[in-house]
């Protein structure tokens, strides 16, 4: 799915969200993939709230992500 991450992060325009949602509702493969990713993100969020990495590890990960073009918003 080309725009899955934007969809899951609620970063799509309403018409794009509606179009993608309609596709997901009709496509079993995409529906299963979205469900898996949602469960994965939920599990990661639960871990993050229970344990936290030391600040220097977080800083290193953020630096590596930024060097690859990712941002934390």
C-alpha atoms as a PDB file:
ATOM      1  CA  UNK A   1       0.000   0.000   0.000  1.00  0.00           C
ATOM      2  CA  UNK A   2       1.556   3.190  -1.172  1.00  0.00           C
ATOM      3  CA  UNK A   3       0.024   5.524   1.425  1.00  0.00           C
ATOM      4  CA  UNK A   4      -0.449   3.118   4.327  1.00  0.00           C
ATOM      5  CA  UNK A   5       1.800   4.973   6.774  1.00  0.00           C
ATOM      6  CA  UNK A   6       0.163   8.311   6.021  1.00  0.00           C
ATOM      7  CA  UNK A   7      -3.230   6.643   6.453  1.00  0.00           C
ATOM      8  CA  UNK A   8      -2.302   5.076   9.793  1.00  0.00           C
ATOM      9  CA  UNK A   9      -0.870   8.403  10.984  1.00  0.00           C
ATOM     10  CA  UNK A  10      -4.029  10.236   9.840  1.00  0.00           C
ATOM     11  CA  UNK A  11      -1.990  12.435   7.506  1.00  0.00           C
ATOM     12  CA  UNK A  12      -4.069  12.003   4.357  1.00  0.00           C
ATOM     13  CA  UNK A  13      -6.608  14.472   3.067  1.00  0.00           C
ATOM     14  CA  UNK A  14     -10.204  13.397   3.765  1.00  0.00           C
ATOM     15  CA  UNK A  15     -10.894  12.335   0.173  1.00  0.00           C
ATOM     16  CA  UNK A  16      -7.708  10.245   0.032  1.00  0.00           C
ATOM     17  CA  UNK A  17      -8.565   8.686   3.394  1.00  0.00           C
ATOM     18  CA  UNK A  18     -12.050   7.777   2.174  1.00  0.00           C
ATOM     19  CA  UNK A  19     -10.692   6.289  -1.043  1.00  0.00           C
ATOM     20  CA  UNK A  20      -8.068   4.220   0.727  1.00  0.00           C
ATOM     21  CA  UNK A  21     -10.551   3.112   3.403  1.00  0.00           C
ATOM     22  CA  UNK A  22     -12.934   1.942   0.654  1.00  0.00           C
ATOM     23  CA  UNK A  23     -10.123  -0.107  -0.895  1.00  0.00           C
ATOM     24  CA  UNK A  24      -9.133  -1.603   2.457  1.00  0.00           C
ATOM     25  CA  UNK A  25     -12.746  -2.554   3.134  1.00  0.00           C
ATOM     26  CA  UNK A  26     -12.915  -4.484  -0.151  1.00  0.00           C
ATOM     27  CA  UNK A  27      -9.423  -6.005  -0.278  1.00  0.00           C
ATOM     28  CA  UNK A  28      -8.830  -8.881   2.142  1.00  0.00           C
ATOM     29  CA  UNK A  29      -5.052  -8.740   1.692  1.00  0.00           C
ATOM     30  CA  UNK A  30      -4.865  -5.017   2.456  1.00  0.00           C
ATOM     31  CA  UNK A  31      -7.359  -5.326   5.287  1.00  0.00           C
ATOM     32  CA  UNK A  32      -5.256  -8.050   6.912  1.00  0.00           C
ATOM     33  CA  UNK A  33      -2.098  -5.974   6.420  1.00  0.00           C
ATOM     34  CA  UNK A  34      -3.650  -2.876   8.014  1.00  0.00           C
ATOM     35  CA  UNK A  35      -4.910  -4.969  10.936  1.00  0.00           C
ATOM     36  CA  UNK A  36      -1.432  -6.456  11.424  1.00  0.00           C
ATOM     37  CA  UNK A  37       0.265  -3.058  11.303  1.00  0.00           C
ATOM     38  CA  UNK A  38      -2.262  -1.593  13.726  1.00  0.00           C
ATOM     39  CA  UNK A  39      -1.687  -4.424  16.203  1.00  0.00           C
ATOM     40  CA  UNK A  40       2.079  -4.027  15.779  1.00  0.00           C
ATOM     41  CA  UNK A  41       1.935  -0.279  16.464  1.00  0.00           C
ATOM     42  CA  UNK A  42      -0.296  -0.865  19.486  1.00  0.00           C
ATOM     43  CA  UNK A  43       2.152  -3.441  20.860  1.00  0.00           C
ATOM     44  CA  UNK A  44       5.095  -1.112  20.314  1.00  0.00           C
ATOM     45  CA  UNK A  45       3.278   1.740  22.047  1.00  0.00           C
ATOM     46  CA  UNK A  46       2.517  -0.508  25.009  1.00  0.00           C
ATOM     47  CA  UNK A  47       6.180  -1.471  25.301  1.00  0.00           C
ATOM     48  CA  UNK A  48       7.286   2.128  25.014  1.00  0.00           C
ATOM     49  CA  UNK A  49       5.038   3.180  27.870  1.00  0.00           C
ATOM     50  CA  UNK A  50       6.307   0.382  30.112  1.00  0.00           C
ATOM     51  CA  UNK A  51      10.018   0.704  29.431  1.00  0.00           C
ATOM     52  CA  UNK A  52      12.090   3.513  28.178  1.00  0.00           C
ATOM     53  CA  UNK A  53      15.541   3.467  26.668  1.00  0.00           C
ATOM     54  CA  UNK A  54      18.237   5.673  28.152  1.00  0.00           C
ATOM     55  CA  UNK A  55      18.345   9.186  26.690  1.00  0.00           C
ATOM     56  CA  UNK A  56      21.621   8.523  24.829  1.00  0.00           C
ATOM     57  CA  UNK A  57      20.110   5.502  23.059  1.00  0.00           C
ATOM     58  CA  UNK A  58      17.026   7.517  22.068  1.00  0.00           C
ATOM     59  CA  UNK A  59      19.243  10.336  20.795  1.00  0.00           C
ATOM     60  CA  UNK A  60      21.317   7.925  18.684  1.00  0.00           C
ATOM     61  CA  UNK A  61      18.227   6.298  17.164  1.00  0.00           C
ATOM     62  CA  UNK A  62      16.698   9.700  16.352  1.00  0.00           C
ATOM     63  CA  UNK A  63      19.981  10.834  14.772  1.00  0.00           C
ATOM     64  CA  UNK A  64      20.124   7.693  12.626  1.00  0.00           C
ATOM     65  CA  UNK A  65      16.511   8.098  11.552  1.00  0.00           C
ATOM     66  CA  UNK A  66      17.066  11.772  10.726  1.00  0.00           C
ATOM     67  CA  UNK A  67      20.131  10.911   8.649  1.00  0.00           C
ATOM     68  CA  UNK A  68      17.915   8.565   6.629  1.00  0.00           C
ATOM     69  CA  UNK A  69      15.318  11.271   6.053  1.00  0.00           C
ATOM     70  CA  UNK A  70      12.798  10.442   8.776  1.00  0.00           C
ATOM     71  CA  UNK A  71      11.537  13.020  11.212  1.00  0.00           C
ATOM     72  CA  UNK A  72       9.749  12.923  14.522  1.00  0.00           C
ATOM     73  CA  UNK A  73       7.320  15.558  13.199  1.00  0.00           C
END
